[in-house]
Amino acid sequence: MKHVRVYFVVLCFLLSQALFADASSRNTKPLHVLVSTYPIYQITRNVTKGVSGVSVKLMIPGNMGCPHDYGLTPQDMKKIAETDVFVVNGLGMEEFMGKAFHKTNPGIKIIDSSKGVKEIMAYSDDGEEDHGDHDKHHHDMHGDHHGHDHHGLNPHLFASPRMAALIAGNIANGLGKADPAHARQYVDNAKAYAGTLNDLARQFREAGKTLKNNRIVTQHGVFDYLARDMGLSVVAVISAHAGHEMSAHDILHVVSVVRKEKPGAIFTEPQYPDKEGKTISAETGIPVSLLDPVASGPDDAPLDYYEKVMKKNLETLVRVLGK
């Protein structure tokens, strides 16, 4: 009889715990997070890993790359209307948004993943130095940014593992404010992911010290931050907007710079045609190779997709630029 009573007490306890957990799950409101671009989406996925009740969706198609000429679709507006938190790259990358998201969803919370990050750069051919804390020059999505062009602040922080680690921290802090119940989990995830990214940044930095030729040509300004962190010098940029066809005059100008500077390689991106890069290579004899800034990728990529691609980039840089 005593064993029966003990069994009954244990059974009641387990049932009460199950009912409590079920009630808690019903009372917890799901958090719908929308992310503007693919690399920030991958970082956000790592920050939200294992957090209950959080869904993360990507707005721009994963195979698109940098949204230089993107236009909002009805499907995008539907996603915006249904989201609680919108995570953006910032620094003018989302200029195409205008004020549409505020009109569609006035209560939406915006997390600018670049806000407060120091050492913001001008584009590599803009002739300016770092801008320090970009809050002094901050351009949000309210119309005060004058175009995602080849002048002004460079928004491609994500292509540098060191800067991506800072972005992860920003996203975690923003999500913690929007969802205080899971704030600690977001911060812990971000710290763990930042540790992985900073270790990768260290590998780039150490490899940069061993290269025979640290001068490079890039397709557009996406690798400026990585080049700085690795100790590389971007001596020429093929196009102001990757994917835009160059004029004959533009090609001749880059060819002239390449012949003068004698870089170790010309790097194109898998997101855009490499015709101009191959033309410049043929004219100058400088090898052309591929670097992937992880501006695009599969929607169902593993959580470590960014790191895997960046490690391949590191192998390419060392192989092409030589030790």
C-alpha atoms as a PDB file:
ATOM      1  CA  MET A   1       0.000   0.000   0.000  1.00  0.00           C
ATOM      2  CA  LYS A   2       2.870   2.348   0.839  1.00  0.00           C
ATOM      3  CA  HIS A   3       4.390   1.784  -2.631  1.00  0.00           C
ATOM      4  CA  VAL A   4       1.052   2.608  -4.228  1.00  0.00           C
ATOM      5  CA  ARG A   5       0.855   5.920  -2.347  1.00  0.00           C
ATOM      6  CA  VAL A   6       4.402   6.853  -3.390  1.00  0.00           C
ATOM      7  CA  TYR A   7       3.610   5.972  -6.990  1.00  0.00           C
ATOM      8  CA  PHE A   8       0.446   8.091  -6.843  1.00  0.00           C
ATOM      9  CA  VAL A   9       2.324  11.110  -5.431  1.00  0.00           C
ATOM     10  CA  VAL A  10       5.007  10.847  -8.100  1.00  0.00           C
ATOM     11  CA  LEU A  11       2.380  10.530 -10.822  1.00  0.00           C
ATOM     12  CA  CYS A  12       0.549  13.634  -9.554  1.00  0.00           C
ATOM     13  CA  PHE A  13       3.806  15.590  -9.480  1.00  0.00           C
ATOM     14  CA  LEU A  14       4.668  14.635 -13.065  1.00  0.00           C
ATOM     15  CA  LEU A  15       1.176  15.509 -14.255  1.00  0.00           C
ATOM     16  CA  SER A  16       1.300  18.907 -12.531  1.00  0.00           C
ATOM     17  CA  GLN A  17       4.688  19.658 -14.130  1.00  0.00           C
ATOM     18  CA  ALA A  18       3.371  18.711 -17.546  1.00  0.00           C
ATOM     19  CA  LEU A  19       0.289  20.889 -17.105  1.00  0.00           C
ATOM     20  CA  PHE A  20       2.433  23.802 -15.898  1.00  0.00           C
ATOM     21  CA  ALA A  21       4.777  23.486 -18.887  1.00  0.00           C
ATOM     22  CA  ASP A  22       1.828  23.310 -21.252  1.00  0.00           C
ATOM     23  CA  ALA A  23       0.251  26.403 -19.680  1.00  0.00           C
ATOM     24  CA  SER A  24       3.557  28.265 -19.863  1.00  0.00           C
ATOM     25  CA  SER A  25       3.938  27.446 -23.533  1.00  0.00           C
ATOM     26  CA  ARG A  26       0.401  28.681 -24.203  1.00  0.00           C
ATOM     27  CA  ASN A  27       1.049  31.913 -22.315  1.00  0.00           C
ATOM     28  CA  THR A  28       4.332  32.643 -24.095  1.00  0.00           C
ATOM     29  CA  LYS A  29       3.680  34.745 -27.162  1.00  0.00           C
ATOM     30  CA  PRO A  30       5.753  33.669 -30.174  1.00  0.00           C
ATOM     31  CA  LEU A  31       8.301  36.201 -31.429  1.00  0.00           C
ATOM     32  CA  HIS A  32       8.363  36.643 -35.197  1.00  0.00           C
ATOM     33  CA  VAL A  33      11.706  37.970 -36.425  1.00  0.00           C
ATOM     34  CA  LEU A  34      12.252  39.128 -40.008  1.00  0.00           C
ATOM     35  CA  VAL A  35      15.773  39.779 -41.348  1.00  0.00           C
ATOM     36  CA  SER A  36      16.460  41.939 -44.373  1.00  0.00           C
ATOM     37  CA  THR A  37      19.546  40.300 -45.940  1.00  0.00           C
ATOM     38  CA  TYR A  38      21.125  36.855 -46.046  1.00  0.00           C
ATOM     39  CA  PRO A  39      24.345  37.373 -44.035  1.00  0.00           C
ATOM     40  CA  ILE A  40      22.474  39.121 -41.216  1.00  0.00           C
ATOM     41  CA  TYR A  41      19.915  36.309 -41.353  1.00  0.00           C
ATOM     42  CA  GLN A  42      22.649  33.726 -40.793  1.00  0.00           C
ATOM     43  CA  ILE A  43      24.018  35.670 -37.823  1.00  0.00           C
ATOM     44  CA  THR A  44      20.525  36.100 -36.359  1.00  0.00           C
ATOM     45  CA  ARG A  45      19.874  32.370 -36.665  1.00  0.00           C
ATOM     46  CA  ASN A  46      22.930  31.695 -34.524  1.00  0.00           C
ATOM     47  CA  VAL A  47      21.895  34.292 -31.936  1.00  0.00           C
ATOM     48  CA  THR A  48      18.391  32.769 -31.649  1.00  0.00           C
ATOM     49  CA  LYS A  49      19.565  29.149 -31.669  1.00  0.00           C
ATOM     50  CA  GLY A  50      17.494  27.024 -29.272  1.00  0.00           C
ATOM     51  CA  VAL A  51      15.322  29.912 -28.056  1.00  0.00           C
ATOM     52  CA  SER A  52      11.766  28.696 -27.609  1.00  0.00           C
ATOM     53  CA  GLY A  53       8.955  30.410 -29.505  1.00  0.00           C
ATOM     54  CA  VAL A  54      11.181  32.421 -31.854  1.00  0.00           C
ATOM     55  CA  SER A  55      10.838  32.152 -35.627  1.00  0.00           C
ATOM     56  CA  VAL A  56      13.364  33.797 -37.943  1.00  0.00           C
ATOM     57  CA  LYS A  57      12.564  34.517 -41.595  1.00  0.00           C
ATOM     58  CA  LEU A  58      14.554  36.073 -44.431  1.00  0.00           C
ATOM     59  CA  MET A  59      12.912  38.813 -46.473  1.00  0.00           C
ATOM     60  CA  ILE A  60      15.164  39.074 -49.550  1.00  0.00           C
ATOM     61  CA  PRO A  61      15.697  35.819 -51.475  1.00  0.00           C
ATOM     62  CA  GLY A  62      18.762  33.982 -50.202  1.00  0.00           C
ATOM     63  CA  ASN A  63      20.324  33.748 -53.660  1.00  0.00           C
ATOM     64  CA  MET A  64      20.216  37.467 -54.376  1.00  0.00           C
ATOM     65  CA  GLY A  65      23.375  39.000 -52.892  1.00  0.00           C
ATOM     66  CA  CYS A  66      23.629  42.680 -51.920  1.00  0.00           C
ATOM     67  CA  PRO A  67      20.263  44.405 -52.580  1.00  0.00           C
ATOM     68  CA  HIS A  68      21.638  47.291 -54.651  1.00  0.00           C
ATOM     69  CA  ASP A  69      18.621  47.384 -56.958  1.00  0.00           C
ATOM     70  CA  TYR A  70      16.029  45.504 -54.945  1.00  0.00           C
ATOM     71  CA  GLY A  71      12.342  46.454 -55.045  1.00  0.00           C
ATOM     72  CA  LEU A  72       9.813  45.455 -52.409  1.00  0.00           C
ATOM     73  CA  THR A  73       7.252  42.835 -53.435  1.00  0.00           C
ATOM     74  CA  PRO A  74       3.722  42.177 -52.117  1.00  0.00           C
ATOM     75  CA  GLN A  75       5.150  39.084 -50.401  1.00  0.00           C
ATOM     76  CA  ASP A  76       7.691  41.292 -48.607  1.00  0.00           C
ATOM     77  CA  MET A  77       4.928  43.598 -47.386  1.00  0.00           C
ATOM     78  CA  LYS A  78       3.016  40.601 -46.063  1.00  0.00           C
ATOM     79  CA  LYS A  79       6.095  39.419 -44.156  1.00  0.00           C
ATOM     80  CA  ILE A  80       6.581  42.901 -42.689  1.00  0.00           C
ATOM     81  CA  ALA A  81       2.937  43.056 -41.595  1.00  0.00           C
ATOM     82  CA  GLU A  82       3.262  39.752 -39.725  1.00  0.00           C
ATOM     83  CA  THR A  83       6.568  40.395 -37.943  1.00  0.00           C
ATOM     84  CA  ASP A  84       7.386  41.711 -34.472  1.00  0.00           C
ATOM     85  CA  VAL A  85      11.075  42.509 -34.949  1.00  0.00           C
ATOM     86  CA  PHE A  86      12.892  43.520 -38.118  1.00  0.00           C
ATOM     87  CA  VAL A  87      16.688  43.033 -38.078  1.00  0.00           C
ATOM     88  CA  VAL A  88      18.513  45.134 -40.673  1.00  0.00           C
ATOM     89  CA  ASN A  89      22.099  45.527 -41.831  1.00  0.00           C
ATOM     90  CA  GLY A  90      21.974  49.327 -41.541  1.00  0.00           C
ATOM     91  CA  LEU A  91      24.373  51.921 -42.987  1.00  0.00           C
ATOM     92  CA  GLY A  92      22.080  52.494 -45.970  1.00  0.00           C
ATOM     93  CA  MET A  93      21.913  48.864 -47.130  1.00  0.00           C
ATOM     94  CA  GLU A  94      18.121  48.925 -46.769  1.00  0.00           C
ATOM     95  CA  GLU A  95      17.595  52.207 -48.586  1.00  0.00           C
ATOM     96  CA  PHE A  96      15.056  50.428 -50.810  1.00  0.00           C
ATOM     97  CA  MET A  97      12.771  50.093 -47.789  1.00  0.00           C
ATOM     98  CA  GLY A  98      11.943  53.794 -47.484  1.00  0.00           C
ATOM     99  CA  LYS A  99       9.148  54.196 -44.932  1.00  0.00           C
ATOM    100  CA  ALA A 100       7.137  51.249 -46.215  1.00  0.00           C
ATOM    101  CA  PHE A 101       7.635  49.092 -43.147  1.00  0.00           C
ATOM    102  CA  HIS A 102       6.342  51.809 -40.780  1.00  0.00           C
ATOM    103  CA  LYS A 103       3.202  52.269 -42.862  1.00  0.00           C
ATOM    104  CA  THR A 104       2.615  48.523 -43.091  1.00  0.00           C
ATOM    105  CA  ASN A 105       3.404  47.733 -39.458  1.00  0.00           C
ATOM    106  CA  PRO A 106       3.599  50.830 -37.197  1.00  0.00           C
ATOM    107  CA  GLY A 107       4.448  48.730 -34.132  1.00  0.00           C
ATOM    108  CA  ILE A 108       7.410  46.921 -35.651  1.00  0.00           C
ATOM    109  CA  LYS A 109      10.680  47.015 -33.691  1.00  0.00           C
ATOM    110  CA  ILE A 110      13.829  47.713 -35.722  1.00  0.00           C
ATOM    111  CA  ILE A 111      17.238  46.310 -34.775  1.00  0.00           C
ATOM    112  CA  ASP A 112      20.042  48.028 -36.693  1.00  0.00           C
ATOM    113  CA  SER A 113      22.829  45.459 -36.488  1.00  0.00           C
ATOM    114  CA  SER A 114      25.496  48.060 -37.336  1.00  0.00           C
ATOM    115  CA  LYS A 115      24.467  50.772 -34.890  1.00  0.00           C
ATOM    116  CA  GLY A 116      27.214  51.758 -32.470  1.00  0.00           C
ATOM    117  CA  VAL A 117      29.892  49.709 -34.228  1.00  0.00           C
ATOM    118  CA  LYS A 118      33.161  51.630 -34.362  1.00  0.00           C
ATOM    119  CA  GLU A 119      35.757  51.694 -37.160  1.00  0.00           C
ATOM    120  CA  ILE A 120      33.198  52.188 -39.917  1.00  0.00           C
ATOM    121  CA  MET A 121      34.984  52.637 -43.241  1.00  0.00           C
ATOM    122  CA  ALA A 122      34.428  54.714 -46.329  1.00  0.00           C
ATOM    123  CA  TYR A 123      34.535  52.721 -49.550  1.00  0.00           C
ATOM    124  CA  SER A 124      38.063  51.702 -50.543  1.00  0.00           C
ATOM    125  CA  ASP A 125      38.229  54.172 -53.455  1.00  0.00           C
ATOM    126  CA  ASP A 126      36.514  57.046 -51.625  1.00  0.00           C
ATOM    127  CA  GLY A 127      39.743  58.599 -50.371  1.00  0.00           C
ATOM    128  CA  GLU A 128      38.605  58.886 -46.756  1.00  0.00           C
ATOM    129  CA  GLU A 129      39.738  57.394 -43.484  1.00  0.00           C
ATOM    130  CA  ASP A 130      37.709  55.409 -40.969  1.00  0.00           C
ATOM    131  CA  HIS A 131      34.819  57.315 -39.452  1.00  0.00           C
ATOM    132  CA  GLY A 132      35.120  55.920 -35.932  1.00  0.00           C
ATOM    133  CA  ASP A 133      31.763  55.567 -34.182  1.00  0.00           C
ATOM    134  CA  HIS A 134      29.261  55.692 -36.997  1.00  0.00           C
ATOM    135  CA  ASP A 135      26.464  56.978 -34.753  1.00  0.00           C
ATOM    136  CA  LYS A 136      27.917  60.427 -35.528  1.00  0.00           C
ATOM    137  CA  HIS A 137      27.270  59.733 -39.202  1.00  0.00           C
ATOM    138  CA  HIS A 138      24.392  57.307 -38.804  1.00  0.00           C
ATOM    139  CA  HIS A 139      21.982  56.948 -41.703  1.00  0.00           C
ATOM    140  CA  ASP A 140      18.747  55.161 -40.888  1.00  0.00           C
ATOM    141  CA  MET A 141      15.794  54.207 -43.077  1.00  0.00           C
ATOM    142  CA  HIS A 142      14.028  57.546 -42.789  1.00  0.00           C
ATOM    143  CA  GLY A 143      15.363  59.160 -45.915  1.00  0.00           C
ATOM    144  CA  ASP A 144      18.628  60.792 -44.800  1.00  0.00           C
ATOM    145  CA  HIS A 145      20.892  58.385 -46.677  1.00  0.00           C
ATOM    146  CA  HIS A 146      21.704  59.497 -50.203  1.00  0.00           C
ATOM    147  CA  GLY A 147      22.223  56.196 -51.886  1.00  0.00           C
ATOM    148  CA  HIS A 148      24.030  52.890 -51.622  1.00  0.00           C
ATOM    149  CA  ASP A 149      26.725  54.035 -54.000  1.00  0.00           C
ATOM    150  CA  HIS A 150      30.488  53.993 -54.070  1.00  0.00           C
ATOM    151  CA  HIS A 151      30.802  57.021 -51.797  1.00  0.00           C
ATOM    152  CA  GLY A 152      30.114  57.397 -48.106  1.00  0.00           C
ATOM    153  CA  LEU A 153      29.999  54.688 -45.464  1.00  0.00           C
ATOM    154  CA  ASN A 154      30.613  51.084 -46.430  1.00  0.00           C
ATOM    155  CA  PRO A 155      27.776  48.834 -45.148  1.00  0.00           C
ATOM    156  CA  HIS A 156      29.475  45.468 -45.785  1.00  0.00           C
ATOM    157  CA  LEU A 157      30.531  44.748 -42.198  1.00  0.00           C
ATOM    158  CA  PHE A 158      29.331  41.156 -42.459  1.00  0.00           C
ATOM    159  CA  ALA A 159      32.172  40.092 -44.800  1.00  0.00           C
ATOM    160  CA  SER A 160      34.650  40.464 -41.924  1.00  0.00           C
ATOM    161  CA  PRO A 161      34.413  37.805 -39.184  1.00  0.00           C
ATOM    162  CA  ARG A 162      35.626  40.353 -36.632  1.00  0.00           C
ATOM    163  CA  MET A 163      32.884  42.802 -37.517  1.00  0.00           C
ATOM    164  CA  ALA A 164      30.307  40.015 -37.800  1.00  0.00           C
ATOM    165  CA  ALA A 165      31.064  39.174 -34.159  1.00  0.00           C
ATOM    166  CA  LEU A 166      30.133  42.732 -33.194  1.00  0.00           C
ATOM    167  CA  ILE A 167      26.953  42.485 -35.239  1.00  0.00           C
ATOM    168  CA  ALA A 168      25.974  39.342 -33.320  1.00  0.00           C
ATOM    169  CA  GLY A 169      26.248  41.245 -30.046  1.00  0.00           C
ATOM    170  CA  ASN A 170      24.075  44.071 -31.367  1.00  0.00           C
ATOM    171  CA  ILE A 171      21.402  41.660 -32.522  1.00  0.00           C
ATOM    172  CA  ALA A 172      21.413  39.866 -29.166  1.00  0.00           C
ATOM    173  CA  ASN A 173      20.994  43.125 -27.254  1.00  0.00           C
ATOM    174  CA  GLY A 174      18.148  44.212 -29.506  1.00  0.00           C
ATOM    175  CA  LEU A 175      16.336  40.904 -29.241  1.00  0.00           C
ATOM    176  CA  GLY A 176      16.788  40.951 -25.472  1.00  0.00           C
ATOM    177  CA  LYS A 177      14.937  44.265 -25.310  1.00  0.00           C
ATOM    178  CA  ALA A 178      12.143  42.955 -27.524  1.00  0.00           C
ATOM    179  CA  ASP A 179      11.966  39.635 -25.659  1.00  0.00           C
ATOM    180  CA  PRO A 180      13.283  40.124 -22.087  1.00  0.00           C
ATOM    181  CA  ALA A 181      12.304  36.606 -21.012  1.00  0.00           C
ATOM    182  CA  HIS A 182      15.032  35.165 -23.250  1.00  0.00           C
ATOM    183  CA  ALA A 183      17.563  38.008 -23.024  1.00  0.00           C
ATOM    184  CA  ARG A 184      20.203  35.909 -21.276  1.00  0.00           C
ATOM    185  CA  GLN A 185      19.914  33.149 -23.873  1.00  0.00           C
ATOM    186  CA  TYR A 186      20.397  35.596 -26.740  1.00  0.00           C
ATOM    187  CA  VAL A 187      23.472  37.080 -25.068  1.00  0.00           C
ATOM    188  CA  ASP A 188      24.965  33.664 -24.315  1.00  0.00           C
ATOM    189  CA  ASN A 189      24.423  32.530 -27.912  1.00  0.00           C
ATOM    190  CA  ALA A 190      25.975  35.729 -29.248  1.00  0.00           C
ATOM    191  CA  LYS A 191      29.026  35.392 -26.994  1.00  0.00           C
ATOM    192  CA  ALA A 192      29.577  31.803 -28.100  1.00  0.00           C
ATOM    193  CA  TYR A 193      29.175  32.673 -31.770  1.00  0.00           C
ATOM    194  CA  ALA A 194      31.374  35.756 -31.438  1.00  0.00           C
ATOM    195  CA  GLY A 195      34.085  33.533 -29.952  1.00  0.00           C
ATOM    196  CA  THR A 196      33.979  31.348 -33.074  1.00  0.00           C
ATOM    197  CA  LEU A 197      34.038  34.370 -35.375  1.00  0.00           C
ATOM    198  CA  ASN A 198      36.879  36.073 -33.523  1.00  0.00           C
ATOM    199  CA  ASP A 199      38.949  32.906 -33.732  1.00  0.00           C
ATOM    200  CA  LEU A 200      38.347  32.911 -37.473  1.00  0.00           C
ATOM    201  CA  ALA A 201      39.348  36.591 -37.599  1.00  0.00           C
ATOM    202  CA  ARG A 202      42.591  35.711 -35.821  1.00  0.00           C
ATOM    203  CA  GLN A 203      43.338  33.100 -38.500  1.00  0.00           C
ATOM    204  CA  PHE A 204      42.854  35.704 -41.234  1.00  0.00           C
ATOM    205  CA  ARG A 205      45.048  38.188 -39.387  1.00  0.00           C
ATOM    206  CA  GLU A 206      47.871  35.698 -38.863  1.00  0.00           C
ATOM    207  CA  ALA A 207      47.704  34.481 -42.469  1.00  0.00           C
ATOM    208  CA  GLY A 208      47.888  38.057 -43.713  1.00  0.00           C
ATOM    209  CA  LYS A 209      51.326  38.448 -42.141  1.00  0.00           C
ATOM    210  CA  THR A 210      52.708  35.601 -44.262  1.00  0.00           C
ATOM    211  CA  LEU A 211      51.595  36.680 -47.754  1.00  0.00           C
ATOM    212  CA  LYS A 212      54.058  37.569 -50.524  1.00  0.00           C
ATOM    213  CA  ASN A 213      51.733  40.157 -52.049  1.00  0.00           C
ATOM    214  CA  ASN A 214      49.088  41.898 -49.973  1.00  0.00           C
ATOM    215  CA  ARG A 215      47.668  44.053 -52.786  1.00  0.00           C
ATOM    216  CA  ILE A 216      44.340  42.997 -54.295  1.00  0.00           C
ATOM    217  CA  VAL A 217      41.590  44.087 -56.698  1.00  0.00           C
ATOM    218  CA  THR A 218      37.979  43.402 -55.704  1.00  0.00           C
ATOM    219  CA  GLN A 219      34.719  43.343 -57.613  1.00  0.00           C
ATOM    220  CA  HIS A 220      33.101  45.948 -55.364  1.00  0.00           C
ATOM    221  CA  GLY A 221      33.575  47.231 -51.826  1.00  0.00           C
ATOM    222  CA  VAL A 222      32.265  44.159 -50.055  1.00  0.00           C
ATOM    223  CA  PHE A 223      35.695  43.002 -48.823  1.00  0.00           C
ATOM    224  CA  ASP A 224      37.021  46.331 -47.528  1.00  0.00           C
ATOM    225  CA  TYR A 225      36.614  45.367 -43.855  1.00  0.00           C
ATOM    226  CA  LEU A 226      38.120  41.914 -44.311  1.00  0.00           C
ATOM    227  CA  ALA A 227      41.040  43.418 -46.215  1.00  0.00           C
ATOM    228  CA  ARG A 228      41.701  45.895 -43.415  1.00  0.00           C
ATOM    229  CA  ASP A 229      41.535  43.193 -40.746  1.00  0.00           C
ATOM    230  CA  MET A 230      43.850  40.918 -42.709  1.00  0.00           C
ATOM    231  CA  GLY A 231      46.344  43.638 -43.636  1.00  0.00           C
ATOM    232  CA  LEU A 232      45.481  43.674 -47.354  1.00  0.00           C
ATOM    233  CA  SER A 233      45.436  46.764 -49.547  1.00  0.00           C
ATOM    234  CA  VAL A 234      42.589  47.145 -52.066  1.00  0.00           C
ATOM    235  CA  VAL A 235      44.297  48.981 -54.920  1.00  0.00           C
ATOM    236  CA  ALA A 236      41.330  48.981 -57.309  1.00  0.00           C
ATOM    237  CA  VAL A 237      37.626  48.152 -57.377  1.00  0.00           C
ATOM    238  CA  ILE A 238      36.139  46.825 -60.593  1.00  0.00           C
ATOM    239  CA  SER A 239      32.660  48.310 -60.299  1.00  0.00           C
ATOM    240  CA  ALA A 240      30.782  50.754 -58.085  1.00  0.00           C
ATOM    241  CA  HIS A 241      27.814  48.372 -58.128  1.00  0.00           C
ATOM    242  CA  ALA A 242      28.662  44.709 -58.544  1.00  0.00           C
ATOM    243  CA  GLY A 243      26.661  43.302 -61.424  1.00  0.00           C
ATOM    244  CA  HIS A 244      26.558  46.604 -63.331  1.00  0.00           C
ATOM    245  CA  GLU A 245      28.323  46.457 -66.674  1.00  0.00           C
ATOM    246  CA  MET A 246      31.457  48.592 -66.918  1.00  0.00           C
ATOM    247  CA  SER A 247      32.182  50.976 -69.761  1.00  0.00           C
ATOM    248  CA  ALA A 248      35.321  50.559 -71.864  1.00  0.00           C
ATOM    249  CA  HIS A 249      36.714  53.686 -70.185  1.00  0.00           C
ATOM    250  CA  ASP A 250      36.160  52.167 -66.727  1.00  0.00           C
ATOM    251  CA  ILE A 251      37.917  48.958 -67.711  1.00  0.00           C
ATOM    252  CA  LEU A 252      40.882  50.850 -69.146  1.00  0.00           C
ATOM    253  CA  HIS A 253      41.164  52.858 -65.926  1.00  0.00           C
ATOM    254  CA  VAL A 254      41.270  49.731 -63.759  1.00  0.00           C
ATOM    255  CA  VAL A 255      43.757  48.093 -66.148  1.00  0.00           C
ATOM    256  CA  SER A 256      46.009  51.143 -65.800  1.00  0.00           C
ATOM    257  CA  VAL A 257      45.864  51.004 -61.992  1.00  0.00           C
ATOM    258  CA  VAL A 258      46.504  47.252 -61.951  1.00  0.00           C
ATOM    259  CA  ARG A 259      49.552  47.569 -64.195  1.00  0.00           C
ATOM    260  CA  LYS A 260      50.927  50.262 -61.915  1.00  0.00           C
ATOM    261  CA  GLU A 261      50.185  48.636 -58.549  1.00  0.00           C
ATOM    262  CA  LYS A 262      50.903  45.009 -59.552  1.00  0.00           C
ATOM    263  CA  PRO A 263      48.445  43.343 -57.127  1.00  0.00           C
ATOM    264  CA  GLY A 264      48.659  39.658 -56.338  1.00  0.00           C
ATOM    265  CA  ALA A 265      45.162  38.841 -57.572  1.00  0.00           C
ATOM    266  CA  ILE A 266      41.819  40.060 -58.874  1.00  0.00           C
ATOM    267  CA  PHE A 267      38.913  38.718 -56.848  1.00  0.00           C
ATOM    268  CA  THR A 268      35.387  38.384 -58.190  1.00  0.00           C
ATOM    269  CA  GLU A 269      32.266  37.227 -56.337  1.00  0.00           C
ATOM    270  CA  PRO A 270      30.017  34.236 -57.112  1.00  0.00           C
ATOM    271  CA  GLN A 271      26.933  36.449 -56.786  1.00  0.00           C
ATOM    272  CA  TYR A 272      27.802  38.422 -59.960  1.00  0.00           C
ATOM    273  CA  PRO A 273      29.199  37.879 -63.479  1.00  0.00           C
ATOM    274  CA  ASP A 274      32.993  37.780 -63.666  1.00  0.00           C
ATOM    275  CA  LYS A 275      33.354  39.004 -67.261  1.00  0.00           C
ATOM    276  CA  GLU A 276      35.099  42.284 -66.370  1.00  0.00           C
ATOM    277  CA  GLY A 277      37.408  40.560 -63.901  1.00  0.00           C
ATOM    278  CA  LYS A 278      38.507  38.065 -66.549  1.00  0.00           C
ATOM    279  CA  THR A 279      38.987  40.868 -69.092  1.00  0.00           C
ATOM    280  CA  ILE A 280      41.231  42.816 -66.710  1.00  0.00           C
ATOM    281  CA  SER A 281      43.135  39.634 -65.904  1.00  0.00           C
ATOM    282  CA  ALA A 282      43.717  38.930 -69.588  1.00  0.00           C
ATOM    283  CA  GLU A 283      44.965  42.486 -70.164  1.00  0.00           C
ATOM    284  CA  THR A 284      47.323  42.562 -67.181  1.00  0.00           C
ATOM    285  CA  GLY A 285      48.355  38.974 -66.559  1.00  0.00           C
ATOM    286  CA  ILE A 286      47.177  39.189 -62.950  1.00  0.00           C
ATOM    287  CA  PRO A 287      45.365  35.999 -61.877  1.00  0.00           C
ATOM    288  CA  VAL A 288      41.629  36.145 -61.186  1.00  0.00           C
ATOM    289  CA  SER A 289      39.999  34.075 -58.467  1.00  0.00           C
ATOM    290  CA  LEU A 290      36.743  33.838 -56.528  1.00  0.00           C
ATOM    291  CA  LEU A 291      35.957  35.056 -53.007  1.00  0.00           C
ATOM    292  CA  ASP A 292      32.503  34.630 -51.492  1.00  0.00           C
ATOM    293  CA  PRO A 293      31.381  37.344 -49.021  1.00  0.00           C
ATOM    294  CA  VAL A 294      28.439  35.159 -47.965  1.00  0.00           C
ATOM    295  CA  ALA A 295      26.083  37.826 -49.257  1.00  0.00           C
ATOM    296  CA  SER A 296      23.885  34.978 -50.496  1.00  0.00           C
ATOM    297  CA  GLY A 297      23.375  31.283 -49.901  1.00  0.00           C
ATOM    298  CA  PRO A 298      20.828  28.511 -49.444  1.00  0.00           C
ATOM    299  CA  ASP A 299      17.839  29.300 -47.221  1.00  0.00           C
ATOM    300  CA  ASP A 300      18.301  26.005 -45.373  1.00  0.00           C
ATOM    301  CA  ALA A 301      22.048  26.408 -44.835  1.00  0.00           C
ATOM    302  CA  PRO A 302      23.575  24.902 -41.676  1.00  0.00           C
ATOM    303  CA  LEU A 303      24.263  27.315 -38.835  1.00  0.00           C
ATOM    304  CA  ASP A 304      28.005  27.183 -39.518  1.00  0.00           C
ATOM    305  CA  TYR A 305      27.603  28.044 -43.218  1.00  0.00           C
ATOM    306  CA  TYR A 306      29.240  31.466 -42.813  1.00  0.00           C
ATOM    307  CA  GLU A 307      32.307  30.017 -41.114  1.00  0.00           C
ATOM    308  CA  LYS A 308      32.712  27.262 -43.727  1.00  0.00           C
ATOM    309  CA  VAL A 309      32.599  29.746 -46.603  1.00  0.00           C
ATOM    310  CA  MET A 310      34.996  32.116 -44.857  1.00  0.00           C
ATOM    311  CA  LYS A 311      37.493  29.304 -44.252  1.00  0.00           C
ATOM    312  CA  LYS A 312      37.414  28.541 -47.978  1.00  0.00           C
ATOM    313  CA  ASN A 313      38.054  32.238 -48.634  1.00  0.00           C
ATOM    314  CA  LEU A 314      41.054  32.106 -46.322  1.00  0.00           C
ATOM    315  CA  GLU A 315      42.437  29.074 -48.165  1.00  0.00           C
ATOM    316  CA  THR A 316      41.961  30.886 -51.489  1.00  0.00           C
ATOM    317  CA  LEU A 317      43.690  34.060 -50.304  1.00  0.00           C
ATOM    318  CA  VAL A 318      46.715  32.147 -49.001  1.00  0.00           C
ATOM    319  CA  ARG A 319      46.949  30.004 -52.122  1.00  0.00           C
ATOM    320  CA  VAL A 320      46.587  32.849 -54.625  1.00  0.00           C
ATOM    321  CA  LEU A 321      48.598  35.560 -52.845  1.00  0.00           C
ATOM    322  CA  GLY A 322      51.335  33.138 -51.787  1.00  0.00           C
ATOM    323  CA  LYS A 323      53.397  32.686 -48.645  1.00  0.00           C
END
